[in-house]
Amino acid sequence: MVTAALGSFLYGFSANAIASTLAQPTFIAKFLSTGTTSRTDGLLGGFLGGAFVGAIVQAPLANKFGRRIANGSASTIVVISGALQAGSVHIAMLLTARVLCGIGAGMAFTNTPVYMSEVSPPHTRGLLVGFQGIGVVTAYISCALFGLIFNFVTAPIQWRLIFIVLTVVGLLHLVSLRFIPESPRWLMKQGREDEAKAVLEYLHRTKKDPCAMLAQAEAVQIKAQVEAEKVLPNGYAYIWRTPHLRKRAFCSVVLWVMGQGTGITAIANLIPVLMGSLGFSIVMQLGLGVVWTVCAVIGCGFNVVLADRIGRVRLLTVGGFGCAAIISVLAALEKYYLDSTNQSGINAAVAMYFIFGTFFTSTIECTSYVYTTEIWPTHLRSEGSTLAFASFFGNAIAYSAPVSVGLANIGWKLYMVFVAVTTASTIAILFTFPETSGLTLEEINVKFGDRVEVDLQTAFVKGFDKESRSEAAKEC
């Protein structure tokens, strides 16, 4: 699971490498001496635009060649773009490299939760797929730490160092793919039943289940479902024409309208800059950025534990309404204390940034990655993940690309846009999203009006005929 979560770490590092870079003196001198706001928004929006493309491109690759090949292609693109970013000599080259980096990172980010949902047992899927969020936020911490360390380098190479590290991260992810198995559901879909069973047994055999009974039953269930789905059409047009699939698409899109509507990506990428607007020095900006990301990863730790215990929908609704309330308070503090000398008001604003980041990652971050991948049937899971992450990146672009201009022109009122979008979309989640916690991927289909070919209890019976029981008894 840790190896698989490197895919989300790769995305997080790719996305957030620019955050501390925007505050580095050598970078500002080289690229931001003129057109600061437009270039900043271009660097943020260009990456997210590339990621939007990557989210779409990964689906046909993952379906045809497998989840590992798709992630391998993604990390190769990130390695190339990391080298180009580190060697950029003018702003056009850097912008192009950021777009290319976004494509690779977006592919990895979209494909990784698909893979992790397909290899996780139902009772711990929330925990394991939730590693997607932990991987992203851990990458944010790493970027913030490297940014703080590199700030003490005075040579012109200072700002390039973070992108050199990004290139190494891409190489590590590429190598790590050798050590993880292919998705058993993808293997079953390709007719490679024996390989699929072997992977399931390898992944799900435990001390409490030494004969891998759950794995064998799940293999029966997966095979029956895959066989039934083979005759079904696929593609995005089929999704929009079919009511139960259209509902899944609605859930996938609306969830990230809410998640990104909080402004989380814009705030995460600009934390050092936002701390600077409150009057802190460069070292303090970068240091506070480190602390903010540490708080965020602590929140993710709570989230992966709560997702299987409290349920997905309850966490999402609590998170949405809670974030809207926190952002409202933050907007009020920005209105009255930004550019003031009232230290108590400034400290309160800083505290609200930290509370917001921690609360978001405790409730929404990991839960969203789990929900948007587990609700899709196997033959459409890559397309469903594409729709979810297209919404993720599309909404991220909408709020991140103009954020510097927005804050410069309307200031605290931009936060009220976040509040309005978050509140409306959370209400939609509360009344329309079915709960999925504790169910197998095949059984989740029932929640959307589909038919499950074999339930897990029947699969246990079918998975163990007399001969199988005899062999299992001898083994155990």
Protein backbone atom coordinates (compact mmCIF):
# COMPACT_ATOMS: atom_id res chain seq x y z
CA MET A 1 0.00 0.00 0.00
CA VAL A 2 2.86 2.38 0.80
CA THR A 3 4.43 1.64 -2.59
CA ALA A 4 1.11 2.22 -4.34
CA ALA A 5 0.58 5.48 -2.43
CA LEU A 6 3.78 6.81 -4.00
CA GLY A 7 1.57 7.65 -6.99
CA SER A 8 -0.34 10.21 -4.96
CA PHE A 9 2.92 11.38 -3.37
CA LEU A 10 4.24 12.00 -6.89
CA TYR A 11 1.21 14.16 -7.67
CA GLY A 12 1.45 16.07 -4.40
CA PHE A 13 5.14 16.82 -4.88
CA SER A 14 4.61 17.84 -8.50
CA ALA A 15 1.75 20.18 -7.57
CA ASN A 16 3.27 21.77 -4.48
CA ALA A 17 6.86 22.14 -5.65
CA ILE A 18 5.83 25.56 -6.98
CA ALA A 19 4.46 26.76 -3.62
CA SER A 20 7.77 27.43 -1.86
CA THR A 21 9.42 28.32 -5.18
CA LEU A 22 7.17 31.37 -5.52
CA ALA A 23 8.70 32.74 -2.29
CA GLN A 24 12.37 32.03 -3.13
CA PRO A 25 14.37 35.25 -3.75
CA THR A 26 16.33 33.86 -6.73
CA PHE A 27 13.11 32.71 -8.43
CA ILE A 28 11.39 36.06 -7.86
CA ALA A 29 14.41 37.88 -9.28
CA LYS A 30 14.54 35.69 -12.40
CA PHE A 31 10.86 35.23 -13.26
CA LEU A 32 8.61 37.50 -11.17
CA SER A 33 10.23 40.90 -11.48
CA THR A 34 7.36 41.87 -13.82
CA GLY A 35 3.81 40.54 -14.29
CA THR A 36 3.86 38.84 -10.90
CA THR A 37 0.15 38.01 -10.52
CA SER A 38 -0.41 36.86 -14.11
CA ARG A 39 2.72 34.69 -14.13
CA THR A 40 1.87 33.20 -10.74
CA ASP A 41 -1.65 32.33 -11.88
CA GLY A 42 -0.23 30.96 -15.14
CA LEU A 43 2.14 28.62 -13.29
CA LEU A 44 -0.66 27.39 -11.03
CA GLY A 45 -3.32 27.16 -13.74
CA GLY A 46 -0.95 25.64 -16.33
CA PHE A 47 -0.13 22.71 -14.07
CA LEU A 48 -3.79 22.09 -13.26
CA GLY A 49 -4.75 22.37 -16.94
CA GLY A 50 -2.16 19.71 -17.75
CA ALA A 51 -3.47 17.56 -14.91
CA PHE A 52 -6.98 17.85 -16.37
CA VAL A 53 -5.65 16.43 -19.66
CA GLY A 54 -3.74 13.72 -17.78
CA ALA A 55 -6.89 12.63 -15.96
CA ILE A 56 -8.58 12.04 -19.33
CA VAL A 57 -5.59 10.38 -21.03
CA GLN A 58 -4.99 7.79 -18.31
CA ALA A 59 -8.32 5.94 -18.77
CA PRO A 60 -7.65 4.31 -22.18
CA LEU A 61 -4.07 3.51 -21.13
CA ALA A 62 -5.16 1.90 -17.85
CA ASN A 63 -7.94 -0.10 -19.53
CA LYS A 64 -5.81 -1.43 -22.38
CA PHE A 65 -2.39 -1.94 -20.78
CA GLY A 66 -3.15 -2.15 -17.04
CA ARG A 67 -2.94 0.11 -14.01
CA ARG A 68 0.82 -0.31 -13.53
CA ILE A 69 1.69 0.57 -17.14
CA ALA A 70 -0.46 3.71 -16.90
CA ASN A 71 1.34 4.82 -13.74
CA GLY A 72 4.71 3.99 -15.29
CA SER A 73 3.91 6.26 -18.24
CA ALA A 74 2.87 8.99 -15.81
CA SER A 75 6.10 8.86 -13.81
CA THR A 76 8.17 8.93 -17.03
CA ILE A 77 6.45 12.17 -18.06
CA VAL A 78 7.07 13.66 -14.60
CA VAL A 79 10.78 12.75 -14.77
CA ILE A 80 11.16 14.49 -18.15
CA SER A 81 9.20 17.56 -17.05
CA GLY A 82 11.09 17.74 -13.74
CA ALA A 83 14.38 17.97 -15.65
CA LEU A 84 12.92 20.64 -17.93
CA GLN A 85 11.68 22.69 -14.96
CA ALA A 86 15.06 22.45 -13.23
CA GLY A 87 16.78 23.61 -16.42
CA SER A 88 14.34 26.37 -17.42
CA VAL A 89 16.00 29.50 -18.74
CA HIS A 90 12.90 31.66 -19.37
CA ILE A 91 9.29 31.82 -18.26
CA ALA A 92 7.84 30.24 -21.43
CA MET A 93 10.00 27.14 -20.95
CA LEU A 94 8.99 26.88 -17.29
CA LEU A 95 5.29 27.29 -18.09
CA THR A 96 5.48 24.57 -20.78
CA ALA A 97 7.29 22.23 -18.40
CA ARG A 98 4.67 22.86 -15.69
CA VAL A 99 1.87 21.90 -18.11
CA LEU A 100 3.74 18.71 -19.08
CA CYS A 101 4.35 17.94 -15.40
CA GLY A 102 0.63 18.39 -14.78
CA ILE A 103 -0.21 15.79 -17.46
CA GLY A 104 2.00 13.15 -15.85
CA ALA A 105 0.97 13.99 -12.29
CA GLY A 106 -2.72 14.05 -13.25
CA MET A 107 -2.41 10.58 -14.80
CA ALA A 108 -0.83 9.15 -11.63
CA PHE A 109 -3.28 10.94 -9.34
CA THR A 110 -6.34 9.66 -11.22
CA ASN A 111 -5.15 6.09 -11.75
CA THR A 112 -3.70 5.41 -8.28
CA PRO A 113 -7.02 5.34 -6.33
CA VAL A 114 -8.50 3.07 -9.01
CA TYR A 115 -5.69 0.59 -8.43
CA MET A 116 -5.88 0.88 -4.64
CA SER A 117 -9.66 0.39 -4.55
CA GLU A 118 -9.30 -2.75 -6.68
CA VAL A 119 -6.70 -4.41 -4.43
CA SER A 120 -8.24 -3.50 -1.04
CA PRO A 121 -10.59 -5.76 0.97
CA PRO A 122 -13.99 -4.18 1.72
CA HIS A 123 -13.56 -3.78 5.49
CA THR A 124 -10.36 -1.71 5.16
CA ARG A 125 -10.88 -0.07 1.76
CA GLY A 126 -11.53 3.35 3.32
CA LEU A 127 -8.27 3.11 5.24
CA LEU A 128 -6.17 1.84 2.36
CA VAL A 129 -7.54 4.01 -0.45
CA GLY A 130 -7.32 6.90 2.01
CA PHE A 131 -3.56 6.60 1.68
CA GLN A 132 -4.09 8.65 -1.47
CA GLY A 133 -4.73 11.70 0.71
CA ILE A 134 -1.88 10.88 3.08
CA GLY A 135 0.47 10.53 0.12
CA VAL A 136 -0.54 13.94 -1.25
CA VAL A 137 -0.23 15.79 2.06
CA THR A 138 3.04 14.03 2.97
CA ALA A 139 4.38 15.30 -0.34
CA TYR A 140 3.25 18.80 0.64
CA ILE A 141 5.25 18.49 3.88
CA SER A 142 8.30 17.33 1.93
CA CYS A 143 8.01 20.26 -0.49
CA ALA A 144 7.64 22.74 2.38
CA LEU A 145 10.68 21.30 4.19
CA PHE A 146 12.83 21.33 1.06
CA GLY A 147 11.68 24.89 0.34
CA LEU A 148 12.71 26.01 3.82
CA ILE A 149 16.09 24.27 3.57
CA PHE A 150 16.80 25.58 0.06
CA ASN A 151 15.98 29.12 1.20
CA PHE A 152 19.37 29.16 2.95
CA VAL A 153 21.17 28.47 -0.35
CA THR A 154 22.32 31.78 -1.81
CA ALA A 155 23.58 30.52 -5.20
CA PRO A 156 21.44 31.10 -8.34
CA ILE A 157 20.67 27.36 -8.40
CA GLN A 158 18.54 27.82 -5.26
CA TRP A 159 15.08 27.67 -6.90
CA ARG A 160 16.07 24.82 -9.26
CA LEU A 161 16.87 22.37 -6.44
CA ILE A 162 13.23 21.51 -5.65
CA PHE A 163 12.68 20.44 -9.27
CA ILE A 164 15.80 18.27 -9.19
CA VAL A 165 14.29 16.53 -6.16
CA LEU A 166 11.00 16.18 -8.10
CA THR A 167 12.87 14.37 -10.88
CA VAL A 168 14.31 11.93 -8.33
CA VAL A 169 10.83 11.33 -6.85
CA GLY A 170 9.55 10.48 -10.34
CA LEU A 171 12.37 7.97 -10.81
CA LEU A 172 11.67 6.36 -7.43
CA HIS A 173 8.00 5.96 -8.33
CA LEU A 174 8.91 4.39 -11.67
CA VAL A 175 11.22 1.84 -10.01
CA SER A 176 8.69 1.06 -7.23
CA LEU A 177 6.14 -0.20 -9.77
CA ARG A 178 8.24 -3.35 -10.18
CA PHE A 179 7.33 -4.37 -6.64
CA ILE A 180 3.53 -4.22 -6.77
CA PRO A 181 1.14 -6.68 -8.50
CA GLU A 182 -1.31 -5.76 -11.22
CA SER A 183 -4.95 -5.14 -10.27
CA PRO A 184 -6.75 -8.52 -9.91
CA ARG A 185 -9.95 -7.03 -11.33
CA TRP A 186 -8.11 -5.81 -14.44
CA LEU A 187 -6.46 -9.24 -14.80
CA MET A 188 -9.85 -10.96 -14.51
CA LYS A 189 -11.23 -8.61 -17.13
CA GLN A 190 -8.42 -9.69 -19.48
CA GLY A 191 -9.24 -13.37 -18.92
CA ARG A 192 -6.11 -13.98 -16.81
CA GLU A 193 -8.06 -15.75 -14.03
CA ASP A 194 -5.19 -17.70 -12.46
CA GLU A 195 -3.05 -14.56 -12.15
CA ALA A 196 -5.98 -12.66 -10.65
CA LYS A 197 -6.58 -15.39 -8.05
CA ALA A 198 -2.88 -15.49 -7.17
CA VAL A 199 -2.83 -11.73 -6.62
CA LEU A 200 -5.98 -11.82 -4.47
CA GLU A 201 -4.54 -14.60 -2.31
CA TYR A 202 -1.22 -12.75 -1.99
CA LEU A 203 -2.96 -9.54 -0.95
CA HIS A 204 -5.74 -10.89 1.29
CA ARG A 205 -4.19 -13.91 3.05
CA THR A 206 -3.92 -13.14 6.78
CA LYS A 207 -3.27 -14.97 10.05
CA LYS A 208 -7.02 -15.04 10.67
CA ASP A 209 -7.60 -16.35 7.14
CA PRO A 210 -4.56 -18.55 6.37
CA CYS A 211 -6.41 -20.41 3.61
CA ALA A 212 -7.35 -17.15 1.87
CA MET A 213 -11.05 -18.03 1.91
CA LEU A 214 -12.06 -14.38 1.45
CA ALA A 215 -9.75 -14.10 -1.57
CA GLN A 216 -11.20 -17.21 -3.20
CA ALA A 217 -14.78 -16.08 -2.58
CA GLU A 218 -13.97 -12.62 -3.89
CA ALA A 219 -12.43 -14.19 -7.02
CA VAL A 220 -15.74 -15.98 -7.69
CA GLN A 221 -17.67 -12.75 -7.19
CA ILE A 222 -15.32 -10.68 -9.36
CA LYS A 223 -15.37 -13.26 -12.17
CA ALA A 224 -19.17 -13.39 -12.20
CA GLN A 225 -19.44 -9.60 -12.23
CA VAL A 226 -16.79 -9.18 -14.94
CA GLU A 227 -18.46 -11.82 -17.13
CA ALA A 228 -21.81 -10.04 -16.76
CA GLU A 229 -20.26 -6.64 -17.54
CA LYS A 230 -18.46 -7.89 -20.67
CA VAL A 231 -21.68 -7.72 -22.67
CA LEU A 232 -22.45 -4.19 -21.48
CA PRO A 233 -21.55 -1.13 -23.56
CA ASN A 234 -18.95 1.28 -22.24
CA GLY A 235 -17.74 4.82 -22.88
CA TYR A 236 -18.82 8.25 -21.66
CA ALA A 237 -21.90 8.43 -23.89
CA TYR A 238 -23.20 5.19 -22.35
CA ILE A 239 -22.59 6.63 -18.87
CA TRP A 240 -24.68 9.72 -19.57
CA ARG A 241 -27.47 7.70 -21.24
CA THR A 242 -27.84 5.19 -18.38
CA PRO A 243 -29.65 6.40 -15.22
CA HIS A 244 -27.69 4.39 -12.62
CA LEU A 245 -24.38 5.39 -14.23
CA ARG A 246 -25.50 8.99 -14.64
CA LYS A 247 -26.13 9.11 -10.89
CA ARG A 248 -22.56 7.90 -10.30
CA ALA A 249 -21.29 10.62 -12.62
CA PHE A 250 -23.37 13.20 -10.74
CA CYS A 251 -21.86 12.04 -7.42
CA SER A 252 -18.33 12.07 -8.83
CA VAL A 253 -18.65 15.60 -10.20
CA VAL A 254 -20.57 17.17 -7.31
CA LEU A 255 -18.23 15.76 -4.69
CA TRP A 256 -15.29 17.70 -6.11
CA VAL A 257 -17.39 20.78 -6.77
CA MET A 258 -17.73 20.78 -2.98
CA GLY A 259 -14.13 19.72 -2.22
CA GLN A 260 -12.47 22.26 -4.49
CA GLY A 261 -15.18 24.82 -3.76
CA THR A 262 -13.64 25.19 -0.30
CA GLY A 263 -10.59 26.73 -2.02
CA ILE A 264 -8.28 24.07 -0.59
CA THR A 265 -5.98 23.74 -3.61
CA ALA A 266 -5.63 27.50 -4.06
CA ILE A 267 -4.85 27.96 -0.36
CA ALA A 268 -2.45 24.97 -0.18
CA ASN A 269 -0.42 26.23 -3.15
CA LEU A 270 -0.24 29.79 -1.81
CA ILE A 271 0.29 29.27 1.93
CA PRO A 272 3.76 30.90 1.97
CA VAL A 273 2.47 33.80 -0.15
CA LEU A 274 -0.63 34.20 2.04
CA MET A 275 1.58 34.25 5.15
CA GLY A 276 3.63 36.96 3.44
CA SER A 277 0.50 39.04 2.92
CA LEU A 278 0.02 38.93 6.71
CA GLY A 279 3.45 40.50 7.20
CA PHE A 280 5.72 37.51 7.92
CA SER A 281 9.35 37.28 6.71
CA ILE A 282 10.39 34.81 4.01
CA VAL A 283 11.80 32.31 6.53
CA MET A 284 8.60 32.55 8.61
CA GLN A 285 6.46 32.16 5.48
CA LEU A 286 8.23 28.92 4.57
CA GLY A 287 8.32 27.72 8.18
CA LEU A 288 4.59 28.28 8.65
CA GLY A 289 4.06 26.44 5.36
CA VAL A 290 5.81 23.40 6.87
CA VAL A 291 3.66 23.54 10.02
CA TRP A 292 0.46 23.90 7.94
CA THR A 293 1.24 20.76 5.96
CA VAL A 294 2.09 18.83 9.14
CA CYS A 295 -1.34 19.75 10.53
CA ALA A 296 -2.90 18.62 7.24
CA VAL A 297 -1.27 15.18 7.34
CA ILE A 298 -2.37 14.72 10.97
CA GLY A 299 -5.90 15.42 9.74
CA CYS A 300 -5.49 12.75 7.03
CA GLY A 301 -4.49 10.26 9.71
CA PHE A 302 -7.83 10.82 11.46
CA ASN A 303 -9.68 10.70 8.13
CA VAL A 304 -8.48 7.24 7.06
CA VAL A 305 -9.52 5.83 10.45
CA LEU A 306 -12.92 7.55 10.50
CA ALA A 307 -13.88 6.70 6.90
CA ASP A 308 -14.67 3.04 7.69
CA ARG A 309 -16.15 3.74 11.13
CA ILE A 310 -18.39 6.77 10.61
CA GLY A 311 -19.22 6.34 6.92
CA ARG A 312 -18.37 8.31 3.79
CA VAL A 313 -21.45 10.51 3.39
CA ARG A 314 -21.62 11.64 7.01
CA LEU A 315 -17.95 12.66 6.96
CA LEU A 316 -18.38 14.56 3.70
CA THR A 317 -21.40 16.53 4.92
CA VAL A 318 -19.82 17.38 8.28
CA GLY A 319 -16.68 18.41 6.44
CA GLY A 320 -18.50 20.57 3.89
CA PHE A 321 -20.60 22.52 6.38
CA GLY A 322 -17.67 22.81 8.80
CA CYS A 323 -15.30 24.15 6.13
CA ALA A 324 -17.89 26.72 5.03
CA ALA A 325 -18.16 27.98 8.63
CA ILE A 326 -14.38 28.17 9.06
CA ILE A 327 -13.90 30.04 5.76
CA SER A 328 -16.60 32.53 6.80
CA VAL A 329 -14.64 33.35 9.96
CA LEU A 330 -11.42 33.59 7.94
CA ALA A 331 -13.07 36.04 5.52
CA ALA A 332 -14.16 38.25 8.43
CA LEU A 333 -10.64 38.27 9.90
CA GLU A 334 -9.10 39.09 6.50
CA LYS A 335 -11.61 41.94 6.08
CA TYR A 336 -10.75 43.65 9.36
CA TYR A 337 -7.12 42.75 10.05
CA LEU A 338 -5.34 42.29 6.69
CA ASP A 339 -2.70 45.06 6.29
CA SER A 340 -3.35 46.16 9.89
CA THR A 341 -0.99 46.33 12.87
CA ASN A 342 -3.37 44.39 15.13
CA GLN A 343 -1.21 41.40 15.99
CA SER A 344 -4.02 39.52 17.72
CA GLY A 345 -6.21 39.75 14.61
CA ILE A 346 -3.33 38.61 12.36
CA ASN A 347 -2.56 35.67 14.66
CA ALA A 348 -6.24 34.69 14.62
CA ALA A 349 -6.21 34.71 10.79
CA VAL A 350 -3.12 32.46 10.79
CA ALA A 351 -4.84 30.11 13.24
CA MET A 352 -7.91 29.86 11.00
CA TYR A 353 -5.74 28.82 8.03
CA PHE A 354 -4.37 26.00 10.18
CA ILE A 355 -7.79 24.97 11.52
CA PHE A 356 -9.20 24.97 7.98
CA GLY A 357 -6.42 22.76 6.58
CA THR A 358 -6.67 20.27 9.45
CA PHE A 359 -10.48 20.09 9.38
CA PHE A 360 -10.59 19.63 5.58
CA THR A 361 -8.10 16.75 5.64
CA SER A 362 -9.83 15.16 8.66
CA THR A 363 -13.17 14.88 6.87
CA ILE A 364 -13.06 15.45 3.10
CA GLU A 365 -9.58 14.78 1.70
CA CYS A 366 -9.23 10.99 1.93
CA THR A 367 -12.97 10.25 1.97
CA SER A 368 -13.37 11.84 -1.47
CA TYR A 369 -10.71 9.67 -3.11
CA VAL A 370 -12.31 6.55 -1.66
CA TYR A 371 -15.88 7.39 -2.61
CA THR A 372 -15.31 8.50 -6.20
CA THR A 373 -13.47 5.30 -7.15
CA GLU A 374 -15.46 2.68 -5.24
CA ILE A 375 -18.86 3.65 -6.66
CA TRP A 376 -17.99 2.61 -10.24
CA PRO A 377 -18.31 -0.91 -11.73
CA THR A 378 -15.05 -2.56 -12.83
CA HIS A 379 -15.50 -2.09 -16.59
CA LEU A 380 -16.09 1.65 -16.14
CA ARG A 381 -13.91 2.40 -13.12
CA SER A 382 -11.18 4.17 -15.11
CA GLU A 383 -13.75 6.28 -16.96
CA GLY A 384 -15.51 7.04 -13.67
CA SER A 385 -12.24 8.06 -12.06
CA THR A 386 -11.59 10.28 -15.07
CA LEU A 387 -14.93 12.06 -14.56
CA ALA A 388 -14.21 12.52 -10.85
CA PHE A 389 -10.74 13.91 -11.33
CA ALA A 390 -11.74 15.98 -14.33
CA SER A 391 -14.12 17.64 -11.86
CA PHE A 392 -11.27 17.83 -9.34
CA PHE A 393 -8.93 19.59 -11.75
CA GLY A 394 -11.61 21.61 -13.53
CA ASN A 395 -12.79 23.11 -10.25
CA ALA A 396 -9.20 23.52 -9.06
CA ILE A 397 -8.45 25.56 -12.19
CA ALA A 398 -11.57 27.66 -11.65
CA TYR A 399 -10.47 28.66 -8.14
CA SER A 400 -6.65 28.50 -8.38
CA ALA A 401 -5.89 30.05 -11.78
CA PRO A 402 -7.41 33.47 -10.91
CA VAL A 403 -6.72 33.36 -7.14
CA SER A 404 -3.88 35.92 -7.11
CA VAL A 405 -5.88 38.35 -9.24
CA GLY A 406 -9.01 37.67 -7.20
CA LEU A 407 -7.32 38.32 -3.86
CA ALA A 408 -5.70 41.48 -5.26
CA ASN A 409 -9.01 42.87 -6.58
CA ILE A 410 -11.77 41.70 -4.22
CA GLY A 411 -9.77 40.38 -1.27
CA TRP A 412 -11.83 38.68 1.46
CA LYS A 413 -14.94 38.56 -0.75
CA LEU A 414 -13.29 35.74 -2.74
CA TYR A 415 -13.63 33.55 0.36
CA MET A 416 -17.39 34.16 0.36
CA VAL A 417 -17.52 32.63 -3.13
CA PHE A 418 -15.95 29.52 -1.58
CA VAL A 419 -18.57 29.55 1.19
CA ALA A 420 -21.51 29.78 -1.24
CA VAL A 421 -20.29 26.95 -3.50
CA THR A 422 -19.35 24.69 -0.59
CA THR A 423 -22.68 25.12 1.21
CA ALA A 424 -24.84 24.48 -1.87
CA SER A 425 -22.90 21.39 -2.98
CA THR A 426 -22.81 19.92 0.55
CA ILE A 427 -26.62 20.10 0.70
CA ALA A 428 -26.72 18.14 -2.57
CA ILE A 429 -24.38 15.50 -1.10
CA LEU A 430 -26.49 15.15 2.04
CA PHE A 431 -29.69 14.35 0.14
CA THR A 432 -28.45 12.41 -2.92
CA PHE A 433 -25.32 10.37 -2.05
CA PRO A 434 -25.81 6.69 -1.00
CA GLU A 435 -23.58 5.26 1.75
CA THR A 436 -20.98 2.68 0.63
CA SER A 437 -18.96 1.91 3.74
CA GLY A 438 -18.30 -1.79 4.48
CA LEU A 439 -19.53 -3.15 1.13
CA THR A 440 -17.51 -4.95 -1.56
CA LEU A 441 -17.07 -3.07 -4.82
CA GLU A 442 -19.55 -5.44 -6.45
CA GLU A 443 -22.16 -4.98 -3.68
CA ILE A 444 -21.97 -1.19 -3.96
CA ASN A 445 -23.64 -1.61 -7.34
CA VAL A 446 -26.93 -2.37 -5.54
CA LYS A 447 -26.87 1.10 -3.96
CA PHE A 448 -27.11 2.58 -7.46
CA GLY A 449 -29.83 0.23 -8.71
CA ASP A 450 -27.57 -2.36 -10.40
CA ARG A 451 -27.76 -6.12 -10.07
CA VAL A 452 -25.00 -8.02 -8.26
CA GLU A 453 -24.38 -11.33 -10.03
CA VAL A 454 -23.12 -13.13 -6.90
CA ASP A 455 -23.26 -11.81 -3.33
CA LEU A 456 -20.26 -12.46 -1.11
CA GLN A 457 -22.00 -15.11 1.02
CA THR A 458 -22.99 -17.10 -2.07
CA ALA A 459 -19.46 -16.62 -3.41
CA PHE A 460 -18.07 -18.30 -0.29
CA VAL A 461 -20.24 -21.35 -0.99
CA LYS A 462 -19.42 -21.42 -4.72
CA GLY A 463 -15.75 -20.79 -4.06
CA PHE A 464 -15.46 -23.96 -1.97
CA ASP A 465 -16.77 -27.13 -3.56
CA LYS A 466 -16.13 -30.44 -1.83
CA GLU A 467 -12.69 -30.86 -3.37
CA SER A 468 -11.70 -27.29 -2.42
CA ARG A 469 -12.90 -27.82 1.16
CA SER A 470 -10.89 -31.01 1.42
CA GLU A 471 -7.74 -29.33 0.16
CA ALA A 472 -8.28 -26.30 2.41
CA ALA A 473 -8.78 -28.58 5.42
CA LYS A 474 -5.46 -30.32 4.71
CA GLU A 475 -3.67 -26.96 4.33
CA CYS A 476 -5.12 -25.51 7.53
